[in-house]
Amino acid sequence: MPLAMVLVGILLIIGSFALATALVAAAVVGGVWGLVLRNGAQAAQRLQDNARQILQQAKLESLHHLRAASAELTDWNTKQRAADAVEPRCRELIKSLDTASRGGSPFEGRTVAKEETAS
């Protein structure tokens, strides 16, 4: 919009004296503005492409983290199930420890007398 108003102003002001000069001036100003706008559009496109690339990399990294977490969860679940499978045997062992200590031992109940030294 500002470009159009500048060009119309050039054509009206300078065009009242010399039409050819007004057309050349309008073409030069329009060309410069066009280059500025094109460079801005290209810079914006580069920034958008860079942002898309960063986003794609972040998605891939997130996917790798998710897969790693899934693998860890699977490993943990496998270990947990293996531990659950051993639990009944452990409970039986713990119960058997109570009965294993009830047998008489030749040293059971004996105490060592403390020797007193003469001072």
N, C-alpha and C. Protein backbone atom coordinates (compact mmCIF):
# COMPACT_ATOMS: atom_id res chain seq x y z
N MET A 1 0.82 -1.20 0.00
CA MET A 1 0.00 0.00 0.00
C MET A 1 0.86 1.26 0.00
N PRO A 2 1.89 1.35 0.90
CA PRO A 2 2.74 2.55 0.86
C PRO A 2 3.47 2.68 -0.47
N LEU A 3 3.86 1.55 -1.06
CA LEU A 3 4.55 1.59 -2.35
C LEU A 3 3.65 2.19 -3.41
N ALA A 4 2.39 1.81 -3.43
CA ALA A 4 1.46 2.34 -4.43
C ALA A 4 1.25 3.83 -4.24
N MET A 5 1.17 4.27 -2.99
CA MET A 5 0.98 5.71 -2.75
C MET A 5 2.22 6.51 -3.16
N VAL A 6 3.41 5.96 -2.91
CA VAL A 6 4.65 6.64 -3.32
C VAL A 6 4.70 6.76 -4.84
N LEU A 7 4.37 5.68 -5.52
CA LEU A 7 4.42 5.70 -6.99
C LEU A 7 3.39 6.67 -7.57
N VAL A 8 2.20 6.69 -7.00
CA VAL A 8 1.17 7.63 -7.47
C VAL A 8 1.63 9.06 -7.20
N GLY A 9 2.24 9.31 -6.04
CA GLY A 9 2.75 10.65 -5.73
C GLY A 9 3.83 11.08 -6.71
N ILE A 10 4.73 10.17 -7.05
CA ILE A 10 5.79 10.49 -8.03
C ILE A 10 5.17 10.81 -9.38
N LEU A 11 4.23 9.98 -9.80
CA LEU A 11 3.60 10.20 -11.10
C LEU A 11 2.84 11.53 -11.12
N LEU A 12 2.16 11.89 -10.05
CA LEU A 12 1.38 13.14 -10.03
C LEU A 12 2.27 14.37 -9.95
N ILE A 13 3.27 14.32 -9.04
CA ILE A 13 4.10 15.51 -8.83
C ILE A 13 5.05 15.72 -10.00
N ILE A 14 5.85 14.71 -10.29
CA ILE A 14 6.83 14.87 -11.37
C ILE A 14 6.15 14.78 -12.73
N GLY A 15 5.07 14.02 -12.80
CA GLY A 15 4.37 13.86 -14.08
C GLY A 15 3.77 15.15 -14.60
N SER A 16 3.50 16.10 -13.73
CA SER A 16 2.95 17.38 -14.20
C SER A 16 3.99 18.18 -14.96
N PHE A 17 5.30 17.93 -14.72
CA PHE A 17 6.37 18.64 -15.45
C PHE A 17 6.86 17.82 -16.63
N ALA A 18 7.25 16.56 -16.34
CA ALA A 18 7.81 15.72 -17.41
C ALA A 18 7.33 14.30 -17.18
N LEU A 19 6.55 13.81 -18.10
CA LEU A 19 5.95 12.47 -17.97
C LEU A 19 7.02 11.38 -18.06
N ALA A 20 7.98 11.53 -18.96
CA ALA A 20 9.01 10.50 -19.12
C ALA A 20 9.86 10.38 -17.85
N THR A 21 10.21 11.52 -17.26
CA THR A 21 11.00 11.51 -16.02
C THR A 21 10.19 10.88 -14.89
N ALA A 22 8.91 11.15 -14.83
CA ALA A 22 8.04 10.58 -13.80
C ALA A 22 7.97 9.06 -13.95
N LEU A 23 7.86 8.58 -15.19
CA LEU A 23 7.80 7.13 -15.41
C LEU A 23 9.11 6.46 -15.02
N VAL A 24 10.25 7.09 -15.38
CA VAL A 24 11.55 6.53 -15.02
C VAL A 24 11.72 6.53 -13.50
N ALA A 25 11.39 7.63 -12.84
CA ALA A 25 11.50 7.71 -11.38
C ALA A 25 10.60 6.68 -10.71
N ALA A 26 9.38 6.52 -11.22
CA ALA A 26 8.46 5.53 -10.66
C ALA A 26 9.01 4.12 -10.86
N ALA A 27 9.61 3.86 -12.02
CA ALA A 27 10.19 2.54 -12.28
C ALA A 27 11.37 2.27 -11.34
N VAL A 28 12.22 3.28 -11.13
CA VAL A 28 13.37 3.11 -10.23
C VAL A 28 12.90 2.87 -8.80
N VAL A 29 11.98 3.70 -8.32
CA VAL A 29 11.47 3.54 -6.96
C VAL A 29 10.76 2.19 -6.82
N GLY A 30 9.96 1.85 -7.79
CA GLY A 30 9.26 0.56 -7.76
C GLY A 30 10.24 -0.61 -7.79
N GLY A 31 11.30 -0.48 -8.59
CA GLY A 31 12.30 -1.54 -8.65
C GLY A 31 13.03 -1.71 -7.32
N VAL A 32 13.39 -0.58 -6.70
CA VAL A 32 14.07 -0.66 -5.40
C VAL A 32 13.15 -1.28 -4.36
N TRP A 33 11.92 -0.80 -4.31
CA TRP A 33 10.96 -1.37 -3.37
C TRP A 33 10.74 -2.86 -3.64
N GLY A 34 10.67 -3.22 -4.91
CA GLY A 34 10.50 -4.62 -5.27
C GLY A 34 11.66 -5.47 -4.77
N LEU A 35 12.90 -4.95 -4.93
CA LEU A 35 14.06 -5.68 -4.44
C LEU A 35 14.04 -5.82 -2.92
N VAL A 36 13.66 -4.73 -2.25
CA VAL A 36 13.58 -4.77 -0.78
C VAL A 36 12.55 -5.80 -0.34
N LEU A 37 11.38 -5.78 -0.97
CA LEU A 37 10.32 -6.71 -0.60
C LEU A 37 10.73 -8.16 -0.92
N ARG A 38 11.39 -8.34 -2.08
CA ARG A 38 11.82 -9.69 -2.46
C ARG A 38 12.87 -10.22 -1.48
N ASN A 39 13.82 -9.37 -1.09
CA ASN A 39 14.82 -9.79 -0.12
C ASN A 39 14.18 -10.13 1.23
N GLY A 40 13.21 -9.32 1.63
CA GLY A 40 12.49 -9.61 2.87
C GLY A 40 11.74 -10.93 2.80
N ALA A 41 11.11 -11.18 1.64
CA ALA A 41 10.37 -12.43 1.47
C ALA A 41 11.32 -13.63 1.47
N GLN A 42 12.49 -13.47 0.84
CA GLN A 42 13.46 -14.57 0.83
C GLN A 42 14.01 -14.82 2.24
N ALA A 43 14.27 -13.77 2.98
CA ALA A 43 14.75 -13.93 4.35
C ALA A 43 13.70 -14.63 5.21
N ALA A 44 12.44 -14.23 5.03
CA ALA A 44 11.36 -14.86 5.78
C ALA A 44 11.23 -16.33 5.39
N GLN A 45 11.39 -16.63 4.12
CA GLN A 45 11.31 -18.03 3.66
C GLN A 45 12.46 -18.86 4.26
N ARG A 46 13.66 -18.27 4.32
CA ARG A 46 14.79 -18.99 4.93
C ARG A 46 14.52 -19.25 6.41
N LEU A 47 13.97 -18.25 7.10
CA LEU A 47 13.64 -18.45 8.51
C LEU A 47 12.58 -19.52 8.70
N GLN A 48 11.58 -19.53 7.84
CA GLN A 48 10.54 -20.56 7.92
C GLN A 48 11.12 -21.95 7.65
N ASP A 49 12.00 -22.05 6.64
CA ASP A 49 12.64 -23.34 6.35
C ASP A 49 13.49 -23.80 7.53
N ASN A 50 14.22 -22.86 8.14
CA ASN A 50 15.03 -23.18 9.30
C ASN A 50 14.16 -23.65 10.46
N ALA A 51 13.05 -22.96 10.68
CA ALA A 51 12.13 -23.35 11.76
C ALA A 51 11.53 -24.72 11.48
N ARG A 52 11.18 -25.00 10.23
CA ARG A 52 10.65 -26.32 9.88
C ARG A 52 11.69 -27.41 10.12
N GLN A 53 12.95 -27.12 9.78
CA GLN A 53 14.02 -28.09 9.99
C GLN A 53 14.23 -28.34 11.49
N ILE A 54 14.23 -27.29 12.27
CA ILE A 54 14.38 -27.44 13.73
C ILE A 54 13.22 -28.24 14.30
N LEU A 55 12.02 -27.96 13.83
CA LEU A 55 10.84 -28.69 14.29
C LEU A 55 10.94 -30.17 13.91
N GLN A 56 11.39 -30.45 12.70
CA GLN A 56 11.54 -31.83 12.26
C GLN A 56 12.57 -32.56 13.12
N GLN A 57 13.69 -31.90 13.41
CA GLN A 57 14.71 -32.50 14.27
C GLN A 57 14.17 -32.75 15.68
N ALA A 58 13.39 -31.80 16.19
CA ALA A 58 12.81 -31.97 17.53
C ALA A 58 11.83 -33.14 17.54
N LYS A 59 11.06 -33.29 16.46
CA LYS A 59 10.13 -34.42 16.38
C LYS A 59 10.88 -35.74 16.36
N LEU A 60 11.96 -35.81 15.59
CA LEU A 60 12.75 -37.04 15.53
C LEU A 60 13.38 -37.35 16.89
N GLU A 61 13.91 -36.32 17.55
CA GLU A 61 14.52 -36.52 18.86
C GLU A 61 13.47 -36.99 19.87
N SER A 62 12.29 -36.39 19.80
CA SER A 62 11.21 -36.79 20.69
C SER A 62 10.80 -38.24 20.43
N LEU A 63 10.77 -38.62 19.17
CA LEU A 63 10.42 -39.99 18.81
C LEU A 63 11.47 -40.96 19.34
N HIS A 64 12.75 -40.59 19.23
CA HIS A 64 13.82 -41.45 19.75
C HIS A 64 13.70 -41.59 21.27
N HIS A 65 13.40 -40.50 21.96
CA HIS A 65 13.23 -40.55 23.41
C HIS A 65 12.04 -41.43 23.77
N LEU A 66 10.96 -41.31 23.01
CA LEU A 66 9.77 -42.12 23.28
C LEU A 66 10.06 -43.59 23.07
N ARG A 67 10.79 -43.91 22.02
CA ARG A 67 11.14 -45.32 21.76
C ARG A 67 12.07 -45.84 22.86
N ALA A 68 13.01 -45.02 23.29
CA ALA A 68 13.92 -45.45 24.36
C ALA A 68 13.14 -45.68 25.65
N ALA A 69 12.19 -44.80 25.95
CA ALA A 69 11.37 -44.97 27.15
C ALA A 69 10.53 -46.23 27.05
N SER A 70 10.02 -46.50 25.87
CA SER A 70 9.24 -47.71 25.67
C SER A 70 10.10 -48.95 25.87
N ALA A 71 11.33 -48.93 25.37
CA ALA A 71 12.23 -50.06 25.56
C ALA A 71 12.56 -50.25 27.04
N GLU A 72 12.80 -49.16 27.75
CA GLU A 72 13.07 -49.26 29.18
C GLU A 72 11.87 -49.82 29.93
N LEU A 73 10.69 -49.38 29.56
CA LEU A 73 9.48 -49.87 30.21
C LEU A 73 9.30 -51.36 29.93
N THR A 74 9.58 -51.78 28.72
CA THR A 74 9.47 -53.20 28.38
C THR A 74 10.47 -54.01 29.18
N ASP A 75 11.72 -53.51 29.28
CA ASP A 75 12.73 -54.21 30.08
C ASP A 75 12.31 -54.29 31.54
N TRP A 76 11.82 -53.19 32.08
CA TRP A 76 11.38 -53.17 33.47
C TRP A 76 10.24 -54.14 33.68
N ASN A 77 9.29 -54.16 32.75
CA ASN A 77 8.14 -55.06 32.86
C ASN A 77 8.59 -56.52 32.83
N THR A 78 9.57 -56.83 31.97
CA THR A 78 10.08 -58.20 31.88
C THR A 78 10.75 -58.58 33.19
N LYS A 79 11.57 -57.69 33.75
CA LYS A 79 12.23 -57.98 35.03
C LYS A 79 11.22 -58.12 36.15
N GLN A 80 10.19 -57.30 36.13
CA GLN A 80 9.16 -57.35 37.16
C GLN A 80 8.42 -58.69 37.10
N ARG A 81 8.09 -59.15 35.90
CA ARG A 81 7.40 -60.43 35.76
C ARG A 81 8.30 -61.58 36.20
N ALA A 82 9.61 -61.47 35.88
CA ALA A 82 10.54 -62.52 36.32
C ALA A 82 10.62 -62.55 37.84
N ALA A 83 10.64 -61.37 38.46
CA ALA A 83 10.67 -61.31 39.92
C ALA A 83 9.37 -61.84 40.52
N ASP A 84 8.24 -61.55 39.88
CA ASP A 84 6.97 -62.08 40.36
C ASP A 84 6.93 -63.59 40.27
N ALA A 85 7.58 -64.16 39.26
CA ALA A 85 7.60 -65.62 39.11
C ALA A 85 8.42 -66.28 40.21
N VAL A 86 9.41 -65.59 40.74
CA VAL A 86 10.29 -66.13 41.78
C VAL A 86 9.69 -65.93 43.17
N GLU A 87 8.75 -65.04 43.29
CA GLU A 87 8.22 -64.68 44.61
C GLU A 87 7.70 -65.86 45.41
N PRO A 88 6.92 -66.78 44.84
CA PRO A 88 6.43 -67.89 45.67
C PRO A 88 7.57 -68.73 46.26
N ARG A 89 8.63 -68.96 45.47
CA ARG A 89 9.76 -69.74 45.98
C ARG A 89 10.46 -68.99 47.12
N CYS A 90 10.55 -67.66 46.98
CA CYS A 90 11.17 -66.86 48.04
C CYS A 90 10.35 -66.92 49.32
N ARG A 91 9.05 -66.85 49.16
CA ARG A 91 8.19 -66.93 50.35
C ARG A 91 8.33 -68.28 51.05
N GLU A 92 8.41 -69.35 50.26
CA GLU A 92 8.60 -70.68 50.84
C GLU A 92 9.94 -70.76 51.57
N LEU A 93 10.97 -70.19 50.99
CA LEU A 93 12.29 -70.19 51.63
C LEU A 93 12.24 -69.44 52.95
N ILE A 94 11.57 -68.29 52.94
CA ILE A 94 11.46 -67.50 54.16
C ILE A 94 10.70 -68.28 55.23
N LYS A 95 9.63 -68.98 54.86
CA LYS A 95 8.87 -69.78 55.82
C LYS A 95 9.71 -70.93 56.35
N SER A 96 10.53 -71.50 55.49
CA SER A 96 11.35 -72.64 55.92
C SER A 96 12.47 -72.20 56.86
N LEU A 97 12.88 -70.96 56.82
CA LEU A 97 13.92 -70.49 57.72
C LEU A 97 13.47 -70.53 59.17
N ASP A 98 12.20 -70.32 59.40
CA ASP A 98 11.66 -70.35 60.76
C ASP A 98 11.76 -71.77 61.31
N THR A 99 11.41 -72.76 60.52
CA THR A 99 11.47 -74.14 61.00
C THR A 99 12.89 -74.68 60.99
N ALA A 100 13.75 -74.14 60.18
CA ALA A 100 15.13 -74.64 60.11
C ALA A 100 15.90 -74.31 61.38
N SER A 101 15.55 -73.27 62.07
CA SER A 101 16.30 -72.88 63.27
C SER A 101 15.79 -73.56 64.53
N ARG A 102 14.77 -74.35 64.46
CA ARG A 102 14.19 -74.96 65.67
C ARG A 102 14.94 -76.21 66.12
N GLY A 103 15.77 -76.70 65.27
CA GLY A 103 16.51 -77.91 65.67
C GLY A 103 17.51 -77.59 66.76
N GLY A 104 17.77 -78.59 67.59
CA GLY A 104 18.69 -78.37 68.69
C GLY A 104 20.12 -78.34 68.19
N SER A 105 20.85 -77.44 68.68
CA SER A 105 22.25 -77.32 68.33
C SER A 105 23.07 -77.61 69.59
N PRO A 106 24.21 -78.28 69.45
CA PRO A 106 24.99 -78.56 70.66
C PRO A 106 25.49 -77.29 71.34
N PHE A 107 25.57 -76.24 70.61
CA PHE A 107 26.08 -75.00 71.20
C PHE A 107 24.97 -74.03 71.59
N GLU A 108 23.77 -74.46 71.40
CA GLU A 108 22.66 -73.57 71.67
C GLU A 108 22.49 -73.40 73.17
N GLY A 109 22.34 -72.22 73.60
CA GLY A 109 22.11 -71.93 75.01
C GLY A 109 23.38 -71.83 75.82
N ARG A 110 24.48 -72.15 75.28
CA ARG A 110 25.72 -72.01 76.02
C ARG A 110 26.20 -70.59 75.94
N THR A 111 26.74 -70.14 77.04
CA THR A 111 27.29 -68.79 77.05
C THR A 111 28.75 -68.87 77.43
N VAL A 112 29.46 -67.90 77.08
CA VAL A 112 30.87 -67.83 77.41
C VAL A 112 30.99 -66.97 78.65
N ALA A 113 31.63 -67.53 79.67
CA ALA A 113 31.77 -66.79 80.90
C ALA A 113 32.87 -65.75 80.73
N LYS A 114 32.65 -64.62 81.29
CA LYS A 114 33.62 -63.53 81.19
C LYS A 114 34.69 -63.76 82.25
N GLU A 115 35.88 -63.77 81.78
CA GLU A 115 36.98 -63.99 82.72
C GLU A 115 37.33 -62.66 83.36
N GLU A 116 37.54 -62.75 84.67
CA GLU A 116 37.93 -61.56 85.39
C GLU A 116 39.42 -61.59 85.58
N THR A 117 40.02 -60.48 85.36
CA THR A 117 41.47 -60.41 85.54
C THR A 117 41.76 -59.74 86.86
N ALA A 118 42.82 -60.20 87.49
CA ALA A 118 43.19 -59.62 88.78
C ALA A 118 43.90 -58.30 88.54
N SER A 119 43.41 -57.30 89.16
CA SER A 119 44.05 -55.99 88.99
C SER A 119 44.90 -55.64 90.16
